[in-house]
Amino acid sequence: MNNNDFQNEKAYKNLDFLDSRDARPLRILAEYLEPEIRFKNYHVKDTIVFFGSARILSRDTAAAELEAAKAGGGDLKKAEARFNMSGYYEDARSLAGRLTTWSKGLQGSDRRFVVCTGGGPGIMEAANRGASEAKGLNIGLSISIPLDEYLNPYVTRELAFEFHYFFMRKFWFAYLAKAVVAMPGGFGTLDELFEFLTLIQTLKMKKRLPIVLFGTKFWDEVLNFKTLEDNELISPENIDLFFHTDSTDEAFDFITQELTRHGIDTPGEAL
């Protein structure tokens, strides 16, 4: 072979190497540095994080599914359950919109308390949708998983991310968060909620972080924190780490009051 025909390849362009086990530290670092640069470019200082199920439908979609089931086109019991849960979609949409409007009215050029979700369907879509309808930037921290999940159409495209590593995705949820709204959800929602509670309990997260558990009946049935307290597995003050409500008005008032008192003067305060 003529030496002039040989094309040497730079290491940072070698995809076989970059996808290899040996290059894992580079991929992890990329999932830290690339989002950091984008957040800085768009002056995003902190976020309000919404967690919740990807399976919860909008009210319109759930209503159409219920009507089809009543006409003999599906499982009526499941359709009724999905219709009942769709109220949480509309609550997340409304609350995210109101919080976005409120945050846009704050003084300063930096973008404060930007709505942030996992970027997928369901409750994530609802929160991104509400923020988008309020004409605010919003964030989607999606994850590559072997499930039928997609980036919802309401995420601001300049702030749409896809992570490979769950722990890097969780880092960006926690690092920028100034408030958390946990809507009903499954394993993923529980995992994310307890990540925050553990960071606060162990003082790895020292910033004040208001947490709303939205849907009192759901959360009381799924998580019995009183049993943990009664058996001295958590301290009584740990019960005060979150605020239960079924009201978007109460959730809005609680979050905005907490952020006004403790969050506005500490932009971008880290863990």
C-alpha atoms as a PDB file:
ATOM      1  CA  MET A   1       0.000   0.000   0.000  1.00  0.00           C
ATOM      2  CA  ASN A   2       1.274   3.445  -0.881  1.00  0.00           C
ATOM      3  CA  ASN A   3       1.922   5.517   2.237  1.00  0.00           C
ATOM      4  CA  ASN A   4       0.096   8.394   0.579  1.00  0.00           C
ATOM      5  CA  ASP A   5      -3.099   6.271   0.582  1.00  0.00           C
ATOM      6  CA  PHE A   6      -3.055   5.707   4.353  1.00  0.00           C
ATOM      7  CA  GLN A   7      -5.532   7.847   6.287  1.00  0.00           C
ATOM      8  CA  ASN A   8      -4.734   8.050   9.974  1.00  0.00           C
ATOM      9  CA  GLU A   9      -7.746   8.621  12.246  1.00  0.00           C
ATOM     10  CA  LYS A  10      -7.883  11.040  15.136  1.00  0.00           C
ATOM     11  CA  ALA A  11      -8.862   9.369  18.389  1.00  0.00           C
ATOM     12  CA  TYR A  12     -11.805  11.728  18.982  1.00  0.00           C
ATOM     13  CA  LYS A  13     -13.262  10.766  15.583  1.00  0.00           C
ATOM     14  CA  ASN A  14     -12.826   7.018  16.087  1.00  0.00           C
ATOM     15  CA  LEU A  15     -16.371   5.837  16.797  1.00  0.00           C
ATOM     16  CA  ASP A  16     -15.278   2.274  17.541  1.00  0.00           C
ATOM     17  CA  PHE A  17     -13.057   3.630  20.296  1.00  0.00           C
ATOM     18  CA  LEU A  18     -15.616   6.135  21.602  1.00  0.00           C
ATOM     19  CA  ASP A  19     -18.241   3.378  21.877  1.00  0.00           C
ATOM     20  CA  SER A  20     -15.835   1.021  23.643  1.00  0.00           C
ATOM     21  CA  ARG A  21     -15.637   0.157  27.319  1.00  0.00           C
ATOM     22  CA  ASP A  22     -12.271   1.905  27.562  1.00  0.00           C
ATOM     23  CA  ALA A  23     -13.801   5.234  26.519  1.00  0.00           C
ATOM     24  CA  ARG A  24     -16.607   5.139  29.102  1.00  0.00           C
ATOM     25  CA  PRO A  25     -15.038   7.949  31.182  1.00  0.00           C
ATOM     26  CA  LEU A  26     -15.115  10.168  28.086  1.00  0.00           C
ATOM     27  CA  ARG A  27     -18.795   9.432  27.481  1.00  0.00           C
ATOM     28  CA  ILE A  28     -19.635  10.167  31.118  1.00  0.00           C
ATOM     29  CA  LEU A  29     -17.718  13.434  30.982  1.00  0.00           C
ATOM     30  CA  ALA A  30     -19.506  14.374  27.753  1.00  0.00           C
ATOM     31  CA  GLU A  31     -22.878  13.940  29.501  1.00  0.00           C
ATOM     32  CA  TYR A  32     -21.686  16.471  32.062  1.00  0.00           C
ATOM     33  CA  LEU A  33     -19.947  19.033  29.853  1.00  0.00           C
ATOM     34  CA  GLU A  34     -22.314  19.223  26.870  1.00  0.00           C
ATOM     35  CA  PRO A  35     -25.464  19.948  28.936  1.00  0.00           C
ATOM     36  CA  GLU A  36     -23.521  22.394  31.109  1.00  0.00           C
ATOM     37  CA  ILE A  37     -22.529  24.418  28.042  1.00  0.00           C
ATOM     38  CA  ARG A  38     -26.088  24.478  26.690  1.00  0.00           C
ATOM     39  CA  PHE A  39     -27.550  25.575  30.021  1.00  0.00           C
ATOM     40  CA  LYS A  40     -24.947  28.326  30.221  1.00  0.00           C
ATOM     41  CA  ASN A  41     -25.641  29.472  26.653  1.00  0.00           C
ATOM     42  CA  TYR A  42     -29.375  29.789  27.384  1.00  0.00           C
ATOM     43  CA  HIS A  43     -28.805  31.395  30.810  1.00  0.00           C
ATOM     44  CA  VAL A  44     -30.668  28.633  32.634  1.00  0.00           C
ATOM     45  CA  LYS A  45     -29.841  28.985  36.325  1.00  0.00           C
ATOM     46  CA  ASP A  46     -32.252  26.585  38.018  1.00  0.00           C
ATOM     47  CA  THR A  47     -35.346  24.464  37.459  1.00  0.00           C
ATOM     48  CA  ILE A  48     -38.659  23.212  38.776  1.00  0.00           C
ATOM     49  CA  VAL A  49     -38.672  19.468  38.166  1.00  0.00           C
ATOM     50  CA  PHE A  50     -41.834  17.514  37.351  1.00  0.00           C
ATOM     51  CA  PHE A  51     -41.845  13.739  37.829  1.00  0.00           C
ATOM     52  CA  GLY A  52     -44.689  11.385  36.943  1.00  0.00           C
ATOM     53  CA  SER A  53     -45.853   8.461  34.850  1.00  0.00           C
ATOM     54  CA  ALA A  54     -45.241   8.288  31.121  1.00  0.00           C
ATOM     55  CA  ARG A  55     -48.493   6.285  30.823  1.00  0.00           C
ATOM     56  CA  ILE A  56     -50.971   8.952  31.913  1.00  0.00           C
ATOM     57  CA  LEU A  57     -53.012  10.307  28.994  1.00  0.00           C
ATOM     58  CA  SER A  58     -54.368  13.768  28.313  1.00  0.00           C
ATOM     59  CA  ARG A  59     -58.046  14.225  29.150  1.00  0.00           C
ATOM     60  CA  ASP A  60     -59.047  14.451  25.467  1.00  0.00           C
ATOM     61  CA  THR A  61     -57.175  11.267  24.539  1.00  0.00           C
ATOM     62  CA  ALA A  62     -58.482   9.390  27.568  1.00  0.00           C
ATOM     63  CA  ALA A  63     -62.054  10.544  26.893  1.00  0.00           C
ATOM     64  CA  ALA A  64     -61.859   9.331  23.291  1.00  0.00           C
ATOM     65  CA  GLU A  65     -60.478   5.993  24.454  1.00  0.00           C
ATOM     66  CA  LEU A  66     -63.293   5.672  27.000  1.00  0.00           C
ATOM     67  CA  GLU A  67     -65.970   6.400  24.416  1.00  0.00           C
ATOM     68  CA  ALA A  68     -64.446   3.801  22.095  1.00  0.00           C
ATOM     69  CA  ALA A  69     -64.437   1.246  24.907  1.00  0.00           C
ATOM     70  CA  LYS A  70     -68.072   1.964  25.735  1.00  0.00           C
ATOM     71  CA  ALA A  71     -68.887   1.342  22.081  1.00  0.00           C
ATOM     72  CA  GLY A  72     -67.264  -2.066  22.332  1.00  0.00           C
ATOM     73  CA  GLY A  73     -63.824  -1.109  21.044  1.00  0.00           C
ATOM     74  CA  GLY A  74     -61.676  -1.910  24.064  1.00  0.00           C
ATOM     75  CA  ASP A  75     -61.303  -2.805  27.732  1.00  0.00           C
ATOM     76  CA  LEU A  76     -63.850  -0.612  29.547  1.00  0.00           C
ATOM     77  CA  LYS A  77     -62.338  -1.043  33.019  1.00  0.00           C
ATOM     78  CA  LYS A  78     -58.882   0.000  31.842  1.00  0.00           C
ATOM     79  CA  ALA A  79     -60.291   2.905  29.851  1.00  0.00           C
ATOM     80  CA  GLU A  80     -62.174   4.168  32.908  1.00  0.00           C
ATOM     81  CA  ALA A  81     -59.033   3.951  35.037  1.00  0.00           C
ATOM     82  CA  ARG A  82     -56.994   5.808  32.433  1.00  0.00           C
ATOM     83  CA  PHE A  83     -59.685   8.483  32.168  1.00  0.00           C
ATOM     84  CA  ASN A  84     -59.649   8.967  35.945  1.00  0.00           C
ATOM     85  CA  MET A  85     -55.846   9.315  35.968  1.00  0.00           C
ATOM     86  CA  SER A  86     -55.935  11.807  33.092  1.00  0.00           C
ATOM     87  CA  GLY A  87     -56.882  14.523  35.552  1.00  0.00           C
ATOM     88  CA  TYR A  88     -53.264  14.504  36.718  1.00  0.00           C
ATOM     89  CA  TYR A  89     -52.117  15.271  33.165  1.00  0.00           C
ATOM     90  CA  GLU A  90     -54.274  18.379  33.104  1.00  0.00           C
ATOM     91  CA  ASP A  91     -53.159  19.392  36.610  1.00  0.00           C
ATOM     92  CA  ALA A  92     -49.482  19.073  35.642  1.00  0.00           C
ATOM     93  CA  ARG A  93     -50.110  21.042  32.465  1.00  0.00           C
ATOM     94  CA  SER A  94     -51.904  23.833  34.350  1.00  0.00           C
ATOM     95  CA  LEU A  95     -49.380  24.022  37.190  1.00  0.00           C
ATOM     96  CA  ALA A  96     -46.371  24.089  34.850  1.00  0.00           C
ATOM     97  CA  GLY A  97     -47.970  26.866  32.820  1.00  0.00           C
ATOM     98  CA  ARG A  98     -48.689  28.989  35.881  1.00  0.00           C
ATOM     99  CA  LEU A  99     -45.194  28.494  37.307  1.00  0.00           C
ATOM    100  CA  THR A 100     -43.660  29.408  33.944  1.00  0.00           C
ATOM    101  CA  THR A 101     -45.693  32.610  33.722  1.00  0.00           C
ATOM    102  CA  TRP A 102     -44.673  33.479  37.284  1.00  0.00           C
ATOM    103  CA  SER A 103     -40.980  32.785  36.665  1.00  0.00           C
ATOM    104  CA  LYS A 104     -40.959  34.828  33.450  1.00  0.00           C
ATOM    105  CA  GLY A 105     -42.146  37.817  35.461  1.00  0.00           C
ATOM    106  CA  LEU A 106     -39.130  37.803  37.772  1.00  0.00           C
ATOM    107  CA  GLN A 107     -36.496  40.500  37.471  1.00  0.00           C
ATOM    108  CA  GLY A 108     -33.205  39.846  35.673  1.00  0.00           C
ATOM    109  CA  SER A 109     -31.967  38.461  32.378  1.00  0.00           C
ATOM    110  CA  ASP A 110     -31.244  34.938  33.587  1.00  0.00           C
ATOM    111  CA  ARG A 111     -33.891  32.263  33.118  1.00  0.00           C
ATOM    112  CA  ARG A 112     -35.009  31.156  36.554  1.00  0.00           C
ATOM    113  CA  PHE A 113     -37.045  28.167  37.697  1.00  0.00           C
ATOM    114  CA  VAL A 114     -37.414  26.631  34.238  1.00  0.00           C
ATOM    115  CA  VAL A 115     -39.776  23.644  34.009  1.00  0.00           C
ATOM    116  CA  CYS A 116     -37.757  20.444  33.599  1.00  0.00           C
ATOM    117  CA  THR A 117     -39.001  16.893  32.948  1.00  0.00           C
ATOM    118  CA  GLY A 118     -37.741  13.566  31.697  1.00  0.00           C
ATOM    119  CA  GLY A 119     -38.841  14.641  28.221  1.00  0.00           C
ATOM    120  CA  GLY A 120     -41.137  11.707  27.495  1.00  0.00           C
ATOM    121  CA  PRO A 121     -44.930  11.247  27.238  1.00  0.00           C
ATOM    122  CA  GLY A 122     -47.534  11.334  29.997  1.00  0.00           C
ATOM    123  CA  ILE A 123     -46.944  13.679  32.919  1.00  0.00           C
ATOM    124  CA  MET A 124     -43.652  14.756  31.376  1.00  0.00           C
ATOM    125  CA  GLU A 125     -45.427  15.836  28.221  1.00  0.00           C
ATOM    126  CA  ALA A 126     -48.084  17.620  30.276  1.00  0.00           C
ATOM    127  CA  ALA A 127     -45.552  19.750  32.161  1.00  0.00           C
ATOM    128  CA  ASN A 128     -43.545  20.585  29.043  1.00  0.00           C
ATOM    129  CA  ARG A 129     -46.805  21.388  27.278  1.00  0.00           C
ATOM    130  CA  GLY A 130     -47.946  23.765  30.003  1.00  0.00           C
ATOM    131  CA  ALA A 131     -44.604  25.577  29.976  1.00  0.00           C
ATOM    132  CA  SER A 132     -44.650  25.787  26.177  1.00  0.00           C
ATOM    133  CA  GLU A 133     -48.203  27.154  26.163  1.00  0.00           C
ATOM    134  CA  ALA A 134     -46.985  29.858  28.561  1.00  0.00           C
ATOM    135  CA  LYS A 135     -44.317  30.666  25.956  1.00  0.00           C
ATOM    136  CA  GLY A 136     -41.473  29.646  28.215  1.00  0.00           C
ATOM    137  CA  LEU A 137     -38.356  27.603  27.587  1.00  0.00           C
ATOM    138  CA  ASN A 138     -38.543  24.138  29.110  1.00  0.00           C
ATOM    139  CA  ILE A 139     -36.169  21.212  29.466  1.00  0.00           C
ATOM    140  CA  GLY A 140     -36.396  17.522  28.570  1.00  0.00           C
ATOM    141  CA  LEU A 141     -33.800  15.172  30.054  1.00  0.00           C
ATOM    142  CA  SER A 142     -34.652  12.009  28.139  1.00  0.00           C
ATOM    143  CA  ILE A 143     -32.965   8.618  28.467  1.00  0.00           C
ATOM    144  CA  SER A 144     -32.225   5.941  25.893  1.00  0.00           C
ATOM    145  CA  ILE A 145     -34.126   2.846  27.035  1.00  0.00           C
ATOM    146  CA  PRO A 146     -35.518  -0.156  25.135  1.00  0.00           C
ATOM    147  CA  LEU A 147     -39.132   0.929  25.582  1.00  0.00           C
ATOM    148  CA  ASP A 148     -41.630   2.648  23.313  1.00  0.00           C
ATOM    149  CA  GLU A 149     -40.851   6.126  24.608  1.00  0.00           C
ATOM    150  CA  TYR A 150     -40.209   9.299  22.659  1.00  0.00           C
ATOM    151  CA  LEU A 151     -39.280  12.934  23.131  1.00  0.00           C
ATOM    152  CA  ASN A 152     -42.549  14.801  23.465  1.00  0.00           C
ATOM    153  CA  PRO A 153     -43.182  17.645  20.991  1.00  0.00           C
ATOM    154  CA  TYR A 154     -43.368  20.398  23.627  1.00  0.00           C
ATOM    155  CA  VAL A 155     -39.760  20.291  24.836  1.00  0.00           C
ATOM    156  CA  THR A 156     -37.691  23.293  23.749  1.00  0.00           C
ATOM    157  CA  ARG A 157     -35.474  21.680  21.123  1.00  0.00           C
ATOM    158  CA  GLU A 158     -32.379  23.631  22.171  1.00  0.00           C
ATOM    159  CA  LEU A 159     -32.823  22.161  25.672  1.00  0.00           C
ATOM    160  CA  ALA A 160     -33.670  18.592  24.662  1.00  0.00           C
ATOM    161  CA  PHE A 161     -31.140  16.033  25.882  1.00  0.00           C
ATOM    162  CA  GLU A 162     -30.777  12.281  25.554  1.00  0.00           C
ATOM    163  CA  PHE A 163     -28.680  10.525  28.180  1.00  0.00           C
ATOM    164  CA  HIS A 164     -27.209   7.062  28.141  1.00  0.00           C
ATOM    165  CA  TYR A 165     -26.348   6.963  31.848  1.00  0.00           C
ATOM    166  CA  PHE A 166     -29.172   7.185  34.358  1.00  0.00           C
ATOM    167  CA  PHE A 167     -26.867   8.598  37.022  1.00  0.00           C
ATOM    168  CA  MET A 168     -25.831  11.512  34.791  1.00  0.00           C
ATOM    169  CA  ARG A 169     -29.456  12.248  34.000  1.00  0.00           C
ATOM    170  CA  LYS A 170     -30.249  12.194  37.734  1.00  0.00           C
ATOM    171  CA  PHE A 171     -27.318  14.504  38.369  1.00  0.00           C
ATOM    172  CA  TRP A 172     -28.800  17.171  36.094  1.00  0.00           C
ATOM    173  CA  PHE A 173     -32.238  16.743  37.650  1.00  0.00           C
ATOM    174  CA  ALA A 174     -30.804  17.314  41.126  1.00  0.00           C
ATOM    175  CA  TYR A 175     -28.080  19.850  40.363  1.00  0.00           C
ATOM    176  CA  LEU A 176     -30.358  22.519  38.900  1.00  0.00           C
ATOM    177  CA  ALA A 177     -33.560  21.779  40.845  1.00  0.00           C
ATOM    178  CA  LYS A 178     -35.037  24.382  43.170  1.00  0.00           C
ATOM    179  CA  ALA A 179     -38.422  22.663  43.539  1.00  0.00           C
ATOM    180  CA  VAL A 180     -39.919  19.261  42.732  1.00  0.00           C
ATOM    181  CA  VAL A 181     -43.465  18.234  41.811  1.00  0.00           C
ATOM    182  CA  ALA A 182     -44.061  14.484  42.027  1.00  0.00           C
ATOM    183  CA  MET A 183     -47.233  13.398  40.263  1.00  0.00           C
ATOM    184  CA  PRO A 184     -48.435   9.768  40.377  1.00  0.00           C
ATOM    185  CA  GLY A 185     -46.033   7.398  38.694  1.00  0.00           C
ATOM    186  CA  GLY A 186     -44.367   4.019  38.771  1.00  0.00           C
ATOM    187  CA  PHE A 187     -40.872   2.708  39.432  1.00  0.00           C
ATOM    188  CA  GLY A 188     -39.133   5.577  37.662  1.00  0.00           C
ATOM    189  CA  THR A 189     -41.040   8.248  39.574  1.00  0.00           C
ATOM    190  CA  LEU A 190     -40.423   6.499  42.897  1.00  0.00           C
ATOM    191  CA  ASP A 191     -36.744   6.113  42.090  1.00  0.00           C
ATOM    192  CA  GLU A 192     -36.390   9.809  41.254  1.00  0.00           C
ATOM    193  CA  LEU A 193     -38.385  10.944  44.298  1.00  0.00           C
ATOM    194  CA  PHE A 194     -36.350   8.842  46.721  1.00  0.00           C
ATOM    195  CA  GLU A 195     -33.120  10.023  45.121  1.00  0.00           C
ATOM    196  CA  PHE A 196     -34.020  13.557  46.178  1.00  0.00           C
ATOM    197  CA  LEU A 197     -35.261  12.546  49.627  1.00  0.00           C
ATOM    198  CA  THR A 198     -32.065  10.590  50.299  1.00  0.00           C
ATOM    199  CA  LEU A 199     -29.845  13.493  49.185  1.00  0.00           C
ATOM    200  CA  ILE A 200     -31.727  15.857  51.502  1.00  0.00           C
ATOM    201  CA  GLN A 201     -31.825  13.445  54.450  1.00  0.00           C
ATOM    202  CA  THR A 202     -28.082  12.766  54.235  1.00  0.00           C
ATOM    203  CA  LEU A 203     -27.272  16.485  53.727  1.00  0.00           C
ATOM    204  CA  LYS A 204     -25.615  15.789  50.400  1.00  0.00           C
ATOM    205  CA  MET A 205     -28.089  18.367  49.134  1.00  0.00           C
ATOM    206  CA  LYS A 206     -27.937  21.428  51.377  1.00  0.00           C
ATOM    207  CA  LYS A 207     -30.134  23.819  49.388  1.00  0.00           C
ATOM    208  CA  ARG A 208     -33.728  24.215  50.478  1.00  0.00           C
ATOM    209  CA  LEU A 209     -35.913  22.187  48.122  1.00  0.00           C
ATOM    210  CA  PRO A 210     -39.712  22.297  48.355  1.00  0.00           C
ATOM    211  CA  ILE A 211     -41.206  18.969  47.269  1.00  0.00           C
ATOM    212  CA  VAL A 212     -44.879  18.570  46.360  1.00  0.00           C
ATOM    213  CA  LEU A 213     -46.499  15.143  46.368  1.00  0.00           C
ATOM    214  CA  PHE A 214     -49.504  15.803  44.150  1.00  0.00           C
ATOM    215  CA  GLY A 215     -52.414  13.396  44.626  1.00  0.00           C
ATOM    216  CA  THR A 216     -52.940  12.677  48.320  1.00  0.00           C
ATOM    217  CA  LYS A 217     -54.952   9.467  47.928  1.00  0.00           C
ATOM    218  CA  PHE A 218     -52.445   8.000  45.492  1.00  0.00           C
ATOM    219  CA  TRP A 219     -49.389   8.799  47.603  1.00  0.00           C
ATOM    220  CA  ASP A 220     -51.021   7.726  50.872  1.00  0.00           C
ATOM    221  CA  GLU A 221     -51.827   4.345  49.343  1.00  0.00           C
ATOM    222  CA  VAL A 222     -48.435   3.849  47.696  1.00  0.00           C
ATOM    223  CA  LEU A 223     -46.152   5.180  50.447  1.00  0.00           C
ATOM    224  CA  ASN A 224     -46.868   4.848  54.142  1.00  0.00           C
ATOM    225  CA  PHE A 225     -44.270   7.168  55.612  1.00  0.00           C
ATOM    226  CA  LYS A 226     -45.998   6.988  59.012  1.00  0.00           C
ATOM    227  CA  THR A 227     -45.065   3.306  59.243  1.00  0.00           C
ATOM    228  CA  LEU A 228     -41.430   4.220  58.670  1.00  0.00           C
ATOM    229  CA  GLU A 229     -41.640   6.837  61.409  1.00  0.00           C
ATOM    230  CA  ASP A 230     -43.490   4.551  63.851  1.00  0.00           C
ATOM    231  CA  ASN A 231     -40.797   1.919  63.435  1.00  0.00           C
ATOM    232  CA  GLU A 232     -38.078   4.559  63.910  1.00  0.00           C
ATOM    233  CA  LEU A 233     -36.715   3.983  60.420  1.00  0.00           C
ATOM    234  CA  ILE A 234     -36.908   7.691  59.631  1.00  0.00           C
ATOM    235  CA  SER A 235     -36.961  10.747  61.890  1.00  0.00           C
ATOM    236  CA  PRO A 236     -40.228  12.608  62.511  1.00  0.00           C
ATOM    237  CA  GLU A 237     -38.837  15.690  60.742  1.00  0.00           C
ATOM    238  CA  ASN A 238     -38.369  13.636  57.568  1.00  0.00           C
ATOM    239  CA  ILE A 239     -42.157  13.645  57.170  1.00  0.00           C
ATOM    240  CA  ASP A 240     -41.934  17.413  56.747  1.00  0.00           C
ATOM    241  CA  LEU A 241     -39.725  17.143  53.657  1.00  0.00           C
ATOM    242  CA  PHE A 242     -42.759  17.213  51.357  1.00  0.00           C
ATOM    243  CA  PHE A 243     -46.119  18.903  50.943  1.00  0.00           C
ATOM    244  CA  HIS A 244     -49.247  16.863  50.085  1.00  0.00           C
ATOM    245  CA  THR A 245     -52.013  18.392  47.998  1.00  0.00           C
ATOM    246  CA  ASP A 246     -54.666  17.764  45.350  1.00  0.00           C
ATOM    247  CA  SER A 247     -54.917  21.438  44.442  1.00  0.00           C
ATOM    248  CA  THR A 248     -52.937  23.236  41.750  1.00  0.00           C
ATOM    249  CA  ASP A 249     -53.666  26.484  43.615  1.00  0.00           C
ATOM    250  CA  GLU A 250     -52.095  25.128  46.805  1.00  0.00           C
ATOM    251  CA  ALA A 251     -49.142  23.669  44.920  1.00  0.00           C
ATOM    252  CA  PHE A 252     -48.546  26.958  43.086  1.00  0.00           C
ATOM    253  CA  ASP A 253     -48.777  29.017  46.274  1.00  0.00           C
ATOM    254  CA  PHE A 254     -46.492  26.675  48.205  1.00  0.00           C
ATOM    255  CA  ILE A 255     -43.791  26.564  45.528  1.00  0.00           C
ATOM    256  CA  THR A 256     -43.800  30.260  44.700  1.00  0.00           C
ATOM    257  CA  GLN A 257     -43.773  31.266  48.365  1.00  0.00           C
ATOM    258  CA  GLU A 258     -40.876  28.914  49.110  1.00  0.00           C
ATOM    259  CA  LEU A 259     -38.898  30.094  46.092  1.00  0.00           C
ATOM    260  CA  THR A 260     -39.573  33.743  46.863  1.00  0.00           C
ATOM    261  CA  ARG A 261     -38.304  33.310  50.422  1.00  0.00           C
ATOM    262  CA  HIS A 262     -35.399  30.970  49.808  1.00  0.00           C
ATOM    263  CA  GLY A 263     -34.649  30.541  46.108  1.00  0.00           C
ATOM    264  CA  ILE A 264     -34.579  33.835  44.256  1.00  0.00           C
ATOM    265  CA  ASP A 265     -31.443  35.161  45.950  1.00  0.00           C
ATOM    266  CA  THR A 266     -29.478  31.947  45.339  1.00  0.00           C
ATOM    267  CA  PRO A 267     -29.401  31.453  41.545  1.00  0.00           C
ATOM    268  CA  GLY A 268     -27.799  28.217  40.461  1.00  0.00           C
ATOM    269  CA  GLU A 269     -26.978  27.143  43.997  1.00  0.00           C
ATOM    270  CA  ALA A 270     -25.549  23.657  43.635  1.00  0.00           C
ATOM    271  CA  LEU A 271     -25.818  20.532  45.756  1.00  0.00           C
END
